[in-house]
Amino acid sequence: SSPGSCDFLPPPECPVFEPSWAEFSDPLGYIAKIRPIAEKSGICKIRPPA
C-alpha cells in the first residue's frame, strides 16, 4: 500500500446471544447478565426466542 493510505481491517465478530424464553422473560435482567461479556467488544447481538 502507498504511504498515507489506510487498509481496511474488518472489526472482530460481535458476540451473539440466543436466550431461551425463560431467560428472556426478564429482558432487562438478561441484558444485565450479559453486559460484562458485551462490554468487552462494545457491541452484541441478541436474537430473541421465536
PDB file of N, CA and C in Angstrom:
ATOM      1  N   SER A   1       0.842  -1.189   0.000  1.00  0.00           N
ATOM      2  CA  SER A   1       0.000   0.000   0.000  1.00  0.00           C
ATOM      3  C   SER A   1       0.877   1.239   0.000  1.00  0.00           C
ATOM      4  N   SER A   2       0.337   2.323  -0.487  1.00  0.00           N
ATOM      5  CA  SER A   2       1.120   3.555  -0.586  1.00  0.00           C
ATOM      6  C   SER A   2       1.101   4.301   0.736  1.00  0.00           C
ATOM      7  N   PRO A   3       2.112   5.128   0.967  1.00  0.00           N
ATOM      8  CA  PRO A   3       2.154   5.884   2.226  1.00  0.00           C
ATOM      9  C   PRO A   3       0.908   6.752   2.380  1.00  0.00           C
ATOM     10  N   GLY A   4       0.352   6.767   3.574  1.00  0.00           N
ATOM     11  CA  GLY A   4      -0.826   7.588   3.854  1.00  0.00           C
ATOM     12  C   GLY A   4      -2.134   6.902   3.537  1.00  0.00           C
ATOM     13  N   SER A   5      -2.096   5.741   2.874  1.00  0.00           N
ATOM     14  CA  SER A   5      -3.360   5.061   2.598  1.00  0.00           C
ATOM     15  C   SER A   5      -3.719   4.166   3.781  1.00  0.00           C
ATOM     16  N   CYS A   6      -4.984   3.933   3.917  1.00  0.00           N
ATOM     17  CA  CYS A   6      -5.457   3.092   5.026  1.00  0.00           C
ATOM     18  C   CYS A   6      -5.966   1.773   4.468  1.00  0.00           C
ATOM     19  N   ASP A   7      -5.495   0.697   5.023  1.00  0.00           N
ATOM     20  CA  ASP A   7      -6.025  -0.612   4.651  1.00  0.00           C
ATOM     21  C   ASP A   7      -7.192  -0.914   5.579  1.00  0.00           C
ATOM     22  N   PHE A   8      -8.276  -1.392   4.983  1.00  0.00           N
ATOM     23  CA  PHE A   8      -9.462  -1.713   5.773  1.00  0.00           C
ATOM     24  C   PHE A   8      -9.223  -2.973   6.583  1.00  0.00           C
ATOM     25  N   LEU A   9      -9.441  -2.876   7.870  1.00  0.00           N
ATOM     26  CA  LEU A   9      -9.369  -4.037   8.746  1.00  0.00           C
ATOM     27  C   LEU A   9     -10.775  -4.289   9.279  1.00  0.00           C
ATOM     28  N   PRO A  10     -11.409  -5.382   8.912  1.00  0.00           N
ATOM     29  CA  PRO A  10     -12.759  -5.630   9.402  1.00  0.00           C
ATOM     30  C   PRO A  10     -12.748  -5.781  10.920  1.00  0.00           C
ATOM     31  N   PRO A  11     -13.787  -5.288  11.578  1.00  0.00           N
ATOM     32  CA  PRO A  11     -13.852  -5.419  13.034  1.00  0.00           C
ATOM     33  C   PRO A  11     -14.051  -6.880  13.430  1.00  0.00           C
ATOM     34  N   PRO A  12     -13.699  -7.224  14.656  1.00  0.00           N
ATOM     35  CA  PRO A  12     -13.917  -8.608  15.097  1.00  0.00           C
ATOM     36  C   PRO A  12     -15.410  -8.908  15.170  1.00  0.00           C
ATOM     37  N   GLU A  13     -15.735 -10.176  15.094  1.00  0.00           N
ATOM     38  CA  GLU A  13     -17.135 -10.584  15.210  1.00  0.00           C
ATOM     39  C   GLU A  13     -17.682 -10.170  16.565  1.00  0.00           C
ATOM     40  N   CYS A  14     -18.943  -9.782  16.587  1.00  0.00           N
ATOM     41  CA  CYS A  14     -19.554  -9.423  17.866  1.00  0.00           C
ATOM     42  C   CYS A  14     -20.188 -10.673  18.480  1.00  0.00           C
ATOM     43  N   PRO A  15     -20.281 -10.712  19.812  1.00  0.00           N
ATOM     44  CA  PRO A  15     -20.928 -11.866  20.434  1.00  0.00           C
ATOM     45  C   PRO A  15     -22.420 -11.887  20.101  1.00  0.00           C
ATOM     46  N   VAL A  16     -22.952 -13.075  19.871  1.00  0.00           N
ATOM     47  CA  VAL A  16     -24.377 -13.249  19.574  1.00  0.00           C
ATOM     48  C   VAL A  16     -24.982 -14.102  20.690  1.00  0.00           C
ATOM     49  N   PHE A  17     -26.043 -13.589  21.272  1.00  0.00           N
ATOM     50  CA  PHE A  17     -26.726 -14.289  22.364  1.00  0.00           C
ATOM     51  C   PHE A  17     -28.079 -14.766  21.876  1.00  0.00           C
ATOM     52  N   GLU A  18     -28.446 -15.995  22.230  1.00  0.00           N
ATOM     53  CA  GLU A  18     -29.728 -16.572  21.847  1.00  0.00           C
ATOM     54  C   GLU A  18     -30.410 -17.094  23.110  1.00  0.00           C
ATOM     55  N   PRO A  19     -31.075 -16.183  23.842  1.00  0.00           N
ATOM     56  CA  PRO A  19     -31.687 -16.586  25.106  1.00  0.00           C
ATOM     57  C   PRO A  19     -32.917 -17.474  24.909  1.00  0.00           C
ATOM     58  N   SER A  20     -33.177 -18.286  25.920  1.00  0.00           N
ATOM     59  CA  SER A  20     -34.409 -19.086  25.933  1.00  0.00           C
ATOM     60  C   SER A  20     -35.558 -18.177  26.380  1.00  0.00           C
ATOM     61  N   TRP A  21     -36.794 -18.686  26.259  1.00  0.00           N
ATOM     62  CA  TRP A  21     -37.938 -17.888  26.737  1.00  0.00           C
ATOM     63  C   TRP A  21     -37.807 -17.600  28.225  1.00  0.00           C
ATOM     64  N   ALA A  22     -37.309 -18.572  28.988  1.00  0.00           N
ATOM     65  CA  ALA A  22     -37.160 -18.364  30.434  1.00  0.00           C
ATOM     66  C   ALA A  22     -36.178 -17.228  30.716  1.00  0.00           C
ATOM     67  N   GLU A  23     -35.045 -17.225  30.004  1.00  0.00           N
ATOM     68  CA  GLU A  23     -34.047 -16.163  30.207  1.00  0.00           C
ATOM     69  C   GLU A  23     -34.584 -14.806  29.735  1.00  0.00           C
ATOM     70  N   PHE A  24     -35.348 -14.819  28.639  1.00  0.00           N
ATOM     71  CA  PHE A  24     -35.805 -13.568  28.036  1.00  0.00           C
ATOM     72  C   PHE A  24     -37.106 -13.049  28.642  1.00  0.00           C
ATOM     73  N   SER A  25     -37.672 -13.790  29.614  1.00  0.00           N
ATOM     74  CA  SER A  25     -38.908 -13.321  30.260  1.00  0.00           C
ATOM     75  C   SER A  25     -38.658 -12.011  31.005  1.00  0.00           C
ATOM     76  N   ASP A  26     -37.401 -11.771  31.406  1.00  0.00           N
ATOM     77  CA  ASP A  26     -36.992 -10.508  32.030  1.00  0.00           C
ATOM     78  C   ASP A  26     -35.875  -9.918  31.159  1.00  0.00           C
ATOM     79  N   PRO A  27     -36.261  -9.177  30.084  1.00  0.00           N
ATOM     80  CA  PRO A  27     -35.230  -8.690  29.148  1.00  0.00           C
ATOM     81  C   PRO A  27     -34.156  -7.820  29.797  1.00  0.00           C
ATOM     82  N   LEU A  28     -34.541  -6.923  30.690  1.00  0.00           N
ATOM     83  CA  LEU A  28     -33.539  -6.053  31.317  1.00  0.00           C
ATOM     84  C   LEU A  28     -32.615  -6.845  32.227  1.00  0.00           C
ATOM     85  N   GLY A  29     -33.141  -7.844  32.901  1.00  0.00           N
ATOM     86  CA  GLY A  29     -32.312  -8.712  33.731  1.00  0.00           C
ATOM     87  C   GLY A  29     -31.337  -9.515  32.885  1.00  0.00           C
ATOM     88  N   TYR A  30     -31.807  -9.966  31.727  1.00  0.00           N
ATOM     89  CA  TYR A  30     -30.936 -10.723  30.821  1.00  0.00           C
ATOM     90  C   TYR A  30     -29.809  -9.836  30.298  1.00  0.00           C
ATOM     91  N   ILE A  31     -30.151  -8.616  29.909  1.00  0.00           N
ATOM     92  CA  ILE A  31     -29.139  -7.676  29.420  1.00  0.00           C
ATOM     93  C   ILE A  31     -28.107  -7.399  30.511  1.00  0.00           C
ATOM     94  N   ALA A  32     -28.567  -7.237  31.740  1.00  0.00           N
ATOM     95  CA  ALA A  32     -27.630  -7.002  32.850  1.00  0.00           C
ATOM     96  C   ALA A  32     -26.696  -8.200  33.021  1.00  0.00           C
ATOM     97  N   LYS A  33     -27.229  -9.413  32.811  1.00  0.00           N
ATOM     98  CA  LYS A  33     -26.429 -10.629  32.976  1.00  0.00           C
ATOM     99  C   LYS A  33     -25.329 -10.730  31.914  1.00  0.00           C
ATOM    100  N   ILE A  34     -25.645 -10.354  30.660  1.00  0.00           N
ATOM    101  CA  ILE A  34     -24.664 -10.488  29.578  1.00  0.00           C
ATOM    102  C   ILE A  34     -23.786  -9.245  29.416  1.00  0.00           C
ATOM    103  N   ARG A  35     -24.097  -8.201  30.143  1.00  0.00           N
ATOM    104  CA  ARG A  35     -23.382  -6.926  29.991  1.00  0.00           C
ATOM    105  C   ARG A  35     -21.856  -7.052  30.068  1.00  0.00           C
ATOM    106  N   PRO A  36     -21.286  -7.784  31.059  1.00  0.00           N
ATOM    107  CA  PRO A  36     -19.819  -7.881  31.129  1.00  0.00           C
ATOM    108  C   PRO A  36     -19.200  -8.475  29.863  1.00  0.00           C
ATOM    109  N   ILE A  37     -19.882  -9.416  29.238  1.00  0.00           N
ATOM    110  CA  ILE A  37     -19.365 -10.025  28.006  1.00  0.00           C
ATOM    111  C   ILE A  37     -19.492  -9.038  26.852  1.00  0.00           C
ATOM    112  N   ALA A  38     -20.663  -8.403  26.739  1.00  0.00           N
ATOM    113  CA  ALA A  38     -20.912  -7.474  25.635  1.00  0.00           C
ATOM    114  C   ALA A  38     -20.016  -6.236  25.712  1.00  0.00           C
ATOM    115  N   GLU A  39     -19.715  -5.777  26.916  1.00  0.00           N
ATOM    116  CA  GLU A  39     -18.893  -4.572  27.062  1.00  0.00           C
ATOM    117  C   GLU A  39     -17.477  -4.764  26.530  1.00  0.00           C
ATOM    118  N   LYS A  40     -16.980  -5.997  26.548  1.00  0.00           N
ATOM    119  CA  LYS A  40     -15.619  -6.250  26.068  1.00  0.00           C
ATOM    120  C   LYS A  40     -15.488  -5.934  24.576  1.00  0.00           C
ATOM    121  N   SER A  41     -16.557  -6.185  23.808  1.00  0.00           N
ATOM    122  CA  SER A  41     -16.486  -5.913  22.375  1.00  0.00           C
ATOM    123  C   SER A  41     -17.156  -4.583  22.014  1.00  0.00           C
ATOM    124  N   GLY A  42     -17.937  -4.029  22.932  1.00  0.00           N
ATOM    125  CA  GLY A  42     -18.595  -2.749  22.679  1.00  0.00           C
ATOM    126  C   GLY A  42     -19.924  -2.880  21.951  1.00  0.00           C
ATOM    127  N   ILE A  43     -20.243  -4.094  21.506  1.00  0.00           N
ATOM    128  CA  ILE A  43     -21.491  -4.318  20.778  1.00  0.00           C
ATOM    129  C   ILE A  43     -21.837  -5.794  20.895  1.00  0.00           C
ATOM    130  N   CYS A  44     -23.117  -6.102  20.783  1.00  0.00           N
ATOM    131  CA  CYS A  44     -23.530  -7.502  20.765  1.00  0.00           C
ATOM    132  C   CYS A  44     -24.845  -7.601  20.006  1.00  0.00           C
ATOM    133  N   LYS A  45     -25.220  -8.824  19.705  1.00  0.00           N
ATOM    134  CA  LYS A  45     -26.482  -9.086  19.040  1.00  0.00           C
ATOM    135  C   LYS A  45     -27.275 -10.050  19.919  1.00  0.00           C
ATOM    136  N   ILE A  46     -28.545  -9.734  20.125  1.00  0.00           N
ATOM    137  CA  ILE A  46     -29.422 -10.629  20.882  1.00  0.00           C
ATOM    138  C   ILE A  46     -30.511 -11.086  19.932  1.00  0.00           C
ATOM    139  N   ARG A  47     -30.551 -12.394  19.714  1.00  0.00           N
ATOM    140  CA  ARG A  47     -31.629 -12.987  18.897  1.00  0.00           C
ATOM    141  C   ARG A  47     -32.707 -13.471  19.847  1.00  0.00           C
ATOM    142  N   PRO A  48     -33.846 -12.771  19.895  1.00  0.00           N
ATOM    143  CA  PRO A  48     -34.889 -13.192  20.819  1.00  0.00           C
ATOM    144  C   PRO A  48     -35.461 -14.561  20.426  1.00  0.00           C
ATOM    145  N   PRO A  49     -36.068 -15.240  21.391  1.00  0.00           N
ATOM    146  CA  PRO A  49     -36.662 -16.552  21.068  1.00  0.00           C
ATOM    147  C   PRO A  49     -37.769 -16.392  20.022  1.00  0.00           C
ATOM    148  N   ALA A  50     -37.998 -17.447  19.255  1.00  0.00           N
ATOM    149  CA  ALA A  50     -39.036 -17.401  18.195  1.00  0.00           C
ATOM    150  C   ALA A  50     -40.423 -17.203  18.793  1.00  0.00           C
TER     151      ALA A  50
END
